[in-house]
Every structure is written in C-alpha cells, then in structure tokens.
Amino acid sequence: MPVTKSVVKNVRQNAKHRAVNRARRSQLKTALAKFSTAPKKDKKKLYPEVQAVIDKTVREGVIHRNKASRLKSRLSKQFS
C-alpha cells in the first residue's frame, strides 16, 4: 500500500488516466474495424473520419505519431 500522500494521489490519477486511455484506444480500434469491414466503395468516404480519430488519439498521447502515420498509410492503401 502507498504510504505518502503524493503516492496515494498518484495512484488515483493513474487509475483515471488508465480508464480514459482505454476508452480512447477502444474508440480507435472501433473506427479501424468499421473501416476495414466496409465495402471498398465506402472506404474513401470513411477514411477522413478514421484519420481524424487517429490524429486525435495522437494529440491526446495514447499512441505514438509514427504508429499513427503507419496506420494511415496502411488504410490509404486499402482504397487506392
């Protein structure tokens, strides 16, 4: 068990951050799954939405910007 006040607070903060990050990551995975299961003709319309979700996830610090770039590159190849 944590002893000092700062560590107790840190444990609380970590729990909140973990919950928020898990929700953000879930939102990203849902968007990616929706894109990959869509028919090819709809992927061109869905791409900007998925790209926005990816960019938001990077801005919020959930994934690294290089991973986001890799994801967007792979997604763009699916409808090209």
PDB file of N, CA and C in Angstrom:
ATOM      1  N   MET A   1       0.845  -1.185   0.000  1.00  0.00           N
ATOM      2  CA  MET A   1       0.000   0.000   0.000  1.00  0.00           C
ATOM      3  C   MET A   1       0.882   1.236   0.000  1.00  0.00           C
ATOM      4  N   PRO A   2       0.447   2.277  -0.721  1.00  0.00           N
ATOM      5  CA  PRO A   2       1.210   3.523  -0.722  1.00  0.00           C
ATOM      6  C   PRO A   2       1.228   4.163   0.662  1.00  0.00           C
ATOM      7  N   VAL A   3       2.329   4.830   0.944  1.00  0.00           N
ATOM      8  CA  VAL A   3       2.499   5.407   2.263  1.00  0.00           C
ATOM      9  C   VAL A   3       2.285   6.916   2.258  1.00  0.00           C
ATOM     10  N   THR A   4       2.916   7.599   1.309  1.00  0.00           N
ATOM     11  CA  THR A   4       2.854   9.055   1.318  1.00  0.00           C
ATOM     12  C   THR A   4       1.622   9.576   0.577  1.00  0.00           C
ATOM     13  N   LYS A   5       1.258  10.819   0.895  1.00  0.00           N
ATOM     14  CA  LYS A   5       0.100  11.443   0.251  1.00  0.00           C
ATOM     15  C   LYS A   5       0.276  11.534  -1.258  1.00  0.00           C
ATOM     16  N   SER A   6       1.473  11.881  -1.685  1.00  0.00           N
ATOM     17  CA  SER A   6       1.706  12.062  -3.116  1.00  0.00           C
ATOM     18  C   SER A   6       1.543  10.747  -3.879  1.00  0.00           C
ATOM     19  N   VAL A   7       1.947   9.661  -3.269  1.00  0.00           N
ATOM     20  CA  VAL A   7       1.811   8.369  -3.930  1.00  0.00           C
ATOM     21  C   VAL A   7       0.346   7.942  -3.978  1.00  0.00           C
ATOM     22  N   VAL A   8      -0.408   8.244  -2.943  1.00  0.00           N
ATOM     23  CA  VAL A   8      -1.842   7.939  -2.935  1.00  0.00           C
ATOM     24  C   VAL A   8      -2.527   8.705  -4.056  1.00  0.00           C
ATOM     25  N   LYS A   9      -2.186   9.981  -4.189  1.00  0.00           N
ATOM     26  CA  LYS A   9      -2.754  10.803  -5.248  1.00  0.00           C
ATOM     27  C   LYS A   9      -2.343  10.269  -6.618  1.00  0.00           C
ATOM     28  N   ASN A  10      -1.087   9.861  -6.724  1.00  0.00           N
ATOM     29  CA  ASN A  10      -0.587   9.329  -7.984  1.00  0.00           C
ATOM     30  C   ASN A  10      -1.340   8.064  -8.386  1.00  0.00           C
ATOM     31  N   VAL A  11      -1.655   7.221  -7.447  1.00  0.00           N
ATOM     32  CA  VAL A  11      -2.413   6.002  -7.727  1.00  0.00           C
ATOM     33  C   VAL A  11      -3.811   6.360  -8.240  1.00  0.00           C
ATOM     34  N   ARG A  12      -4.433   7.346  -7.631  1.00  0.00           N
ATOM     35  CA  ARG A  12      -5.754   7.813  -8.084  1.00  0.00           C
ATOM     36  C   ARG A  12      -5.680   8.350  -9.515  1.00  0.00           C
ATOM     37  N   GLN A  13      -4.683   9.175  -9.770  1.00  0.00           N
ATOM     38  CA  GLN A  13      -4.531   9.763 -11.097  1.00  0.00           C
ATOM     39  C   GLN A  13      -4.282   8.681 -12.151  1.00  0.00           C
ATOM     40  N   ASN A  14      -3.440   7.717 -11.806  1.00  0.00           N
ATOM     41  CA  ASN A  14      -3.144   6.640 -12.750  1.00  0.00           C
ATOM     42  C   ASN A  14      -4.400   5.853 -13.108  1.00  0.00           C
ATOM     43  N   ALA A  15      -5.249   5.623 -12.131  1.00  0.00           N
ATOM     44  CA  ALA A  15      -6.497   4.895 -12.395  1.00  0.00           C
ATOM     45  C   ALA A  15      -7.386   5.677 -13.357  1.00  0.00           C
ATOM     46  N   LYS A  16      -7.488   6.981 -13.143  1.00  0.00           N
ATOM     47  CA  LYS A  16      -8.310   7.820 -14.036  1.00  0.00           C
ATOM     48  C   LYS A  16      -7.719   7.856 -15.441  1.00  0.00           C
ATOM     49  N   HIS A  17      -6.403   8.066 -15.518  1.00  0.00           N
ATOM     50  CA  HIS A  17      -5.752   8.125 -16.822  1.00  0.00           C
ATOM     51  C   HIS A  17      -5.886   6.795 -17.564  1.00  0.00           C
ATOM     52  N   ARG A  18      -5.733   5.699 -16.852  1.00  0.00           N
ATOM     53  CA  ARG A  18      -5.854   4.382 -17.468  1.00  0.00           C
ATOM     54  C   ARG A  18      -7.244   4.186 -18.056  1.00  0.00           C
ATOM     55  N   ALA A  19      -8.271   4.600 -17.326  1.00  0.00           N
ATOM     56  CA  ALA A  19      -9.647   4.456 -17.810  1.00  0.00           C
ATOM     57  C   ALA A  19      -9.889   5.306 -19.056  1.00  0.00           C
ATOM     58  N   VAL A  20      -9.406   6.534 -19.036  1.00  0.00           N
ATOM     59  CA  VAL A  20      -9.594   7.427 -20.179  1.00  0.00           C
ATOM     60  C   VAL A  20      -8.837   6.906 -21.396  1.00  0.00           C
ATOM     61  N   ASN A  21      -7.589   6.494 -21.184  1.00  0.00           N
ATOM     62  CA  ASN A  21      -6.794   5.984 -22.303  1.00  0.00           C
ATOM     63  C   ASN A  21      -7.385   4.711 -22.881  1.00  0.00           C
ATOM     64  N   ARG A  22      -7.927   3.869 -22.025  1.00  0.00           N
ATOM     65  CA  ARG A  22      -8.556   2.635 -22.509  1.00  0.00           C
ATOM     66  C   ARG A  22      -9.762   2.960 -23.384  1.00  0.00           C
ATOM     67  N   ALA A  23     -10.551   3.947 -22.984  1.00  0.00           N
ATOM     68  CA  ALA A  23     -11.707   4.357 -23.778  1.00  0.00           C
ATOM     69  C   ALA A  23     -11.275   4.932 -25.125  1.00  0.00           C
ATOM     70  N   ARG A  24     -10.230   5.737 -25.109  1.00  0.00           N
ATOM     71  CA  ARG A  24      -9.725   6.333 -26.355  1.00  0.00           C
ATOM     72  C   ARG A  24      -9.190   5.258 -27.293  1.00  0.00           C
ATOM     73  N   ARG A  25      -8.467   4.304 -26.737  1.00  0.00           N
ATOM     74  CA  ARG A  25      -7.918   3.225 -27.555  1.00  0.00           C
ATOM     75  C   ARG A  25      -9.049   2.366 -28.124  1.00  0.00           C
ATOM     76  N   SER A  26     -10.090   2.153 -27.337  1.00  0.00           N
ATOM     77  CA  SER A  26     -11.237   1.391 -27.802  1.00  0.00           C
ATOM     78  C   SER A  26     -11.933   2.111 -28.948  1.00  0.00           C
ATOM     79  N   GLN A  27     -12.059   3.429 -28.830  1.00  0.00           N
ATOM     80  CA  GLN A  27     -12.673   4.224 -29.892  1.00  0.00           C
ATOM     81  C   GLN A  27     -11.859   4.095 -31.185  1.00  0.00           C
ATOM     82  N   LEU A  28     -10.548   4.117 -31.060  1.00  0.00           N
ATOM     83  CA  LEU A  28      -9.673   3.973 -32.222  1.00  0.00           C
ATOM     84  C   LEU A  28      -9.857   2.599 -32.860  1.00  0.00           C
ATOM     85  N   LYS A  29      -9.856   1.558 -32.052  1.00  0.00           N
ATOM     86  CA  LYS A  29      -9.991   0.207 -32.582  1.00  0.00           C
ATOM     87  C   LYS A  29     -11.344   0.008 -33.257  1.00  0.00           C
ATOM     88  N   THR A  30     -12.390   0.602 -32.695  1.00  0.00           N
ATOM     89  CA  THR A  30     -13.716   0.505 -33.293  1.00  0.00           C
ATOM     90  C   THR A  30     -13.738   1.181 -34.651  1.00  0.00           C
ATOM     91  N   ALA A  31     -13.132   2.362 -34.747  1.00  0.00           N
ATOM     92  CA  ALA A  31     -13.088   3.078 -36.022  1.00  0.00           C
ATOM     93  C   ALA A  31     -12.304   2.290 -37.063  1.00  0.00           C
ATOM     94  N   LEU A  32     -11.191   1.689 -36.655  1.00  0.00           N
ATOM     95  CA  LEU A  32     -10.388   0.893 -37.587  1.00  0.00           C
ATOM     96  C   LEU A  32     -11.150  -0.342 -38.063  1.00  0.00           C
ATOM     97  N   ALA A  33     -11.865  -0.982 -37.156  1.00  0.00           N
ATOM     98  CA  ALA A  33     -12.635  -2.167 -37.522  1.00  0.00           C
ATOM     99  C   ALA A  33     -13.778  -1.802 -38.463  1.00  0.00           C
ATOM    100  N   LYS A  34     -14.421  -0.695 -38.195  1.00  0.00           N
ATOM    101  CA  LYS A  34     -15.520  -0.223 -39.048  1.00  0.00           C
ATOM    102  C   LYS A  34     -14.997   0.050 -40.457  1.00  0.00           C
ATOM    103  N   PHE A  35     -13.811   0.641 -40.543  1.00  0.00           N
ATOM    104  CA  PHE A  35     -13.212   0.947 -41.837  1.00  0.00           C
ATOM    105  C   PHE A  35     -12.852  -0.331 -42.583  1.00  0.00           C
ATOM    106  N   SER A  36     -12.235  -1.267 -41.896  1.00  0.00           N
ATOM    107  CA  SER A  36     -11.747  -2.469 -42.576  1.00  0.00           C
ATOM    108  C   SER A  36     -12.881  -3.387 -43.027  1.00  0.00           C
ATOM    109  N   THR A  37     -14.037  -3.329 -42.362  1.00  0.00           N
ATOM    110  CA  THR A  37     -15.155  -4.185 -42.767  1.00  0.00           C
ATOM    111  C   THR A  37     -16.072  -3.514 -43.781  1.00  0.00           C
ATOM    112  N   ALA A  38     -15.847  -2.230 -44.053  1.00  0.00           N
ATOM    113  CA  ALA A  38     -16.694  -1.511 -45.004  1.00  0.00           C
ATOM    114  C   ALA A  38     -16.383  -1.961 -46.424  1.00  0.00           C
ATOM    115  N   PRO A  39     -17.388  -1.878 -47.309  1.00  0.00           N
ATOM    116  CA  PRO A  39     -17.113  -2.187 -48.715  1.00  0.00           C
ATOM    117  C   PRO A  39     -16.136  -1.163 -49.316  1.00  0.00           C
ATOM    118  N   LYS A  40     -15.460  -1.572 -50.361  1.00  0.00           N
ATOM    119  CA  LYS A  40     -14.399  -0.732 -50.928  1.00  0.00           C
ATOM    120  C   LYS A  40     -14.911   0.637 -51.372  1.00  0.00           C
ATOM    121  N   LYS A  41     -16.127   0.712 -51.872  1.00  0.00           N
ATOM    122  CA  LYS A  41     -16.647   1.994 -52.367  1.00  0.00           C
ATOM    123  C   LYS A  41     -16.895   2.983 -51.227  1.00  0.00           C
ATOM    124  N   ASP A  42     -17.171   2.483 -50.017  1.00  0.00           N
ATOM    125  CA  ASP A  42     -17.427   3.367 -48.870  1.00  0.00           C
ATOM    126  C   ASP A  42     -16.149   3.775 -48.132  1.00  0.00           C
ATOM    127  N   LYS A  43     -15.065   3.089 -48.390  1.00  0.00           N
ATOM    128  CA  LYS A  43     -13.832   3.362 -47.653  1.00  0.00           C
ATOM    129  C   LYS A  43     -13.297   4.761 -47.932  1.00  0.00           C
ATOM    130  N   LYS A  44     -13.485   5.241 -49.145  1.00  0.00           N
ATOM    131  CA  LYS A  44     -12.985   6.573 -49.480  1.00  0.00           C
ATOM    132  C   LYS A  44     -13.704   7.645 -48.663  1.00  0.00           C
ATOM    133  N   LYS A  45     -14.987   7.423 -48.374  1.00  0.00           N
ATOM    134  CA  LYS A  45     -15.752   8.380 -47.562  1.00  0.00           C
ATOM    135  C   LYS A  45     -15.421   8.241 -46.073  1.00  0.00           C
ATOM    136  N   LEU A  46     -15.141   7.023 -45.639  1.00  0.00           N
ATOM    137  CA  LEU A  46     -14.849   6.775 -44.222  1.00  0.00           C
ATOM    138  C   LEU A  46     -13.438   7.191 -43.820  1.00  0.00           C
ATOM    139  N   TYR A  47     -12.534   7.238 -44.787  1.00  0.00           N
ATOM    140  CA  TYR A  47     -11.125   7.498 -44.467  1.00  0.00           C
ATOM    141  C   TYR A  47     -10.907   8.800 -43.688  1.00  0.00           C
ATOM    142  N   PRO A  48     -11.503   9.933 -44.085  1.00  0.00           N
ATOM    143  CA  PRO A  48     -11.268  11.165 -43.298  1.00  0.00           C
ATOM    144  C   PRO A  48     -11.733  11.057 -41.849  1.00  0.00           C
ATOM    145  N   GLU A  49     -12.812  10.349 -41.613  1.00  0.00           N
ATOM    146  CA  GLU A  49     -13.301  10.168 -40.243  1.00  0.00           C
ATOM    147  C   GLU A  49     -12.313   9.347 -39.412  1.00  0.00           C
ATOM    148  N   VAL A  50     -11.830   8.270 -39.991  1.00  0.00           N
ATOM    149  CA  VAL A  50     -10.876   7.409 -39.282  1.00  0.00           C
ATOM    150  C   VAL A  50      -9.563   8.165 -39.069  1.00  0.00           C
ATOM    151  N   GLN A  51      -9.156   8.926 -40.056  1.00  0.00           N
ATOM    152  CA  GLN A  51      -7.935   9.715 -39.953  1.00  0.00           C
ATOM    153  C   GLN A  51      -8.058  10.729 -38.810  1.00  0.00           C
ATOM    154  N   ALA A  52      -9.221  11.334 -38.655  1.00  0.00           N
ATOM    155  CA  ALA A  52      -9.435  12.296 -37.575  1.00  0.00           C
ATOM    156  C   ALA A  52      -9.337  11.604 -36.217  1.00  0.00           C
ATOM    157  N   VAL A  53      -9.888  10.404 -36.111  1.00  0.00           N
ATOM    158  CA  VAL A  53      -9.815   9.658 -34.850  1.00  0.00           C
ATOM    159  C   VAL A  53      -8.362   9.314 -34.531  1.00  0.00           C
ATOM    160  N   ILE A  54      -7.615   8.912 -35.539  1.00  0.00           N
ATOM    161  CA  ILE A  54      -6.202   8.577 -35.336  1.00  0.00           C
ATOM    162  C   ILE A  54      -5.435   9.806 -34.865  1.00  0.00           C
ATOM    163  N   ASP A  55      -5.656  10.935 -35.535  1.00  0.00           N
ATOM    164  CA  ASP A  55      -4.953  12.163 -35.164  1.00  0.00           C
ATOM    165  C   ASP A  55      -5.307  12.610 -33.751  1.00  0.00           C
ATOM    166  N   LYS A  56      -6.559  12.466 -33.376  1.00  0.00           N
ATOM    167  CA  LYS A  56      -6.981  12.851 -32.028  1.00  0.00           C
ATOM    168  C   LYS A  56      -6.308  11.964 -30.983  1.00  0.00           C
ATOM    169  N   THR A  57      -6.194  10.682 -31.299  1.00  0.00           N
ATOM    170  CA  THR A  57      -5.556   9.746 -30.382  1.00  0.00           C
ATOM    171  C   THR A  57      -4.088  10.113 -30.165  1.00  0.00           C
ATOM    172  N   VAL A  58      -3.429  10.588 -31.221  1.00  0.00           N
ATOM    173  CA  VAL A  58      -2.036  11.019 -31.100  1.00  0.00           C
ATOM    174  C   VAL A  58      -1.959  12.287 -30.262  1.00  0.00           C
ATOM    175  N   ARG A  59      -2.835  13.242 -30.546  1.00  0.00           N
ATOM    176  CA  ARG A  59      -2.832  14.505 -29.805  1.00  0.00           C
ATOM    177  C   ARG A  59      -3.009  14.280 -28.315  1.00  0.00           C
ATOM    178  N   GLU A  60      -3.803  13.290 -27.972  1.00  0.00           N
ATOM    179  CA  GLU A  60      -4.072  13.013 -26.566  1.00  0.00           C
ATOM    180  C   GLU A  60      -3.011  12.116 -25.942  1.00  0.00           C
ATOM    181  N   GLY A  61      -2.029  11.699 -26.733  1.00  0.00           N
ATOM    182  CA  GLY A  61      -0.899  10.964 -26.194  1.00  0.00           C
ATOM    183  C   GLY A  61      -1.134   9.486 -25.974  1.00  0.00           C
ATOM    184  N   VAL A  62      -2.124   8.918 -26.637  1.00  0.00           N
ATOM    185  CA  VAL A  62      -2.417   7.499 -26.431  1.00  0.00           C
ATOM    186  C   VAL A  62      -1.522   6.627 -27.311  1.00  0.00           C
ATOM    187  N   ILE A  63      -1.305   7.054 -28.553  1.00  0.00           N
ATOM    188  CA  ILE A  63      -0.399   6.321 -29.439  1.00  0.00           C
ATOM    189  C   ILE A  63       0.681   7.270 -29.948  1.00  0.00           C
ATOM    190  N   HIS A  64       1.754   6.709 -30.440  1.00  0.00           N
ATOM    191  CA  HIS A  64       2.881   7.494 -30.956  1.00  0.00           C
ATOM    192  C   HIS A  64       2.555   7.994 -32.362  1.00  0.00           C
ATOM    193  N   ARG A  65       3.126   9.120 -32.729  1.00  0.00           N
ATOM    194  CA  ARG A  65       2.824   9.711 -34.035  1.00  0.00           C
ATOM    195  C   ARG A  65       3.301   8.833 -35.185  1.00  0.00           C
ATOM    196  N   ASN A  66       4.378   8.075 -34.984  1.00  0.00           N
ATOM    197  CA  ASN A  66       4.846   7.180 -36.045  1.00  0.00           C
ATOM    198  C   ASN A  66       3.868   6.025 -36.260  1.00  0.00           C
ATOM    199  N   LYS A  67       3.272   5.549 -35.194  1.00  0.00           N
ATOM    200  CA  LYS A  67       2.265   4.495 -35.326  1.00  0.00           C
ATOM    201  C   LYS A  67       1.060   5.028 -36.078  1.00  0.00           C
ATOM    202  N   ALA A  68       0.671   6.266 -35.777  1.00  0.00           N
ATOM    203  CA  ALA A  68      -0.462   6.884 -36.467  1.00  0.00           C
ATOM    204  C   ALA A  68      -0.166   7.004 -37.958  1.00  0.00           C
ATOM    205  N   SER A  69       1.035   7.419 -38.277  1.00  0.00           N
ATOM    206  CA  SER A  69       1.434   7.551 -39.673  1.00  0.00           C
ATOM    207  C   SER A  69       1.383   6.203 -40.378  1.00  0.00           C
ATOM    208  N   ARG A  70       1.857   5.182 -39.704  1.00  0.00           N
ATOM    209  CA  ARG A  70       1.847   3.834 -40.278  1.00  0.00           C
ATOM    210  C   ARG A  70       0.415   3.355 -40.502  1.00  0.00           C
ATOM    211  N   LEU A  71      -0.469   3.594 -39.521  1.00  0.00           N
ATOM    212  CA  LEU A  71      -1.869   3.193 -39.661  1.00  0.00           C
ATOM    213  C   LEU A  71      -2.533   3.890 -40.842  1.00  0.00           C
ATOM    214  N   LYS A  72      -2.330   5.205 -40.930  1.00  0.00           N
ATOM    215  CA  LYS A  72      -2.955   5.971 -42.012  1.00  0.00           C
ATOM    216  C   LYS A  72      -2.438   5.524 -43.373  1.00  0.00           C
ATOM    217  N   SER A  73      -1.156   5.205 -43.452  1.00  0.00           N
ATOM    218  CA  SER A  73      -0.575   4.733 -44.704  1.00  0.00           C
ATOM    219  C   SER A  73      -1.209   3.410 -45.121  1.00  0.00           C
ATOM    220  N   ARG A  74      -1.345   2.512 -44.173  1.00  0.00           N
ATOM    221  CA  ARG A  74      -1.931   1.202 -44.484  1.00  0.00           C
ATOM    222  C   ARG A  74      -3.396   1.325 -44.861  1.00  0.00           C
ATOM    223  N   LEU A  75      -4.116   2.241 -44.203  1.00  0.00           N
ATOM    224  CA  LEU A  75      -5.524   2.418 -44.521  1.00  0.00           C
ATOM    225  C   LEU A  75      -5.702   3.023 -45.919  1.00  0.00           C
ATOM    226  N   SER A  76      -4.843   3.975 -46.258  1.00  0.00           N
ATOM    227  CA  SER A  76      -4.967   4.606 -47.578  1.00  0.00           C
ATOM    228  C   SER A  76      -4.713   3.623 -48.710  1.00  0.00           C
ATOM    229  N   LYS A  77      -3.899   2.603 -48.465  1.00  0.00           N
ATOM    230  CA  LYS A  77      -3.634   1.601 -49.489  1.00  0.00           C
ATOM    231  C   LYS A  77      -4.850   0.729 -49.754  1.00  0.00           C
ATOM    232  N   GLN A  78      -5.768   0.656 -48.805  1.00  0.00           N
ATOM    233  CA  GLN A  78      -6.931  -0.234 -48.956  1.00  0.00           C
ATOM    234  C   GLN A  78      -7.928   0.269 -49.975  1.00  0.00           C
ATOM    235  N   PHE A  79      -7.976   1.565 -50.219  1.00  0.00           N
ATOM    236  CA  PHE A  79      -8.953   2.059 -51.195  1.00  0.00           C
ATOM    237  C   PHE A  79      -8.297   2.659 -52.423  1.00  0.00           C
ATOM    238  N   SER A  80      -6.986   2.625 -52.491  1.00  0.00           N
ATOM    239  CA  SER A  80      -6.285   3.168 -53.662  1.00  0.00           C
ATOM    240  C   SER A  80      -6.337   2.190 -54.812  1.00  0.00           C
TER     241      SER A  80
END
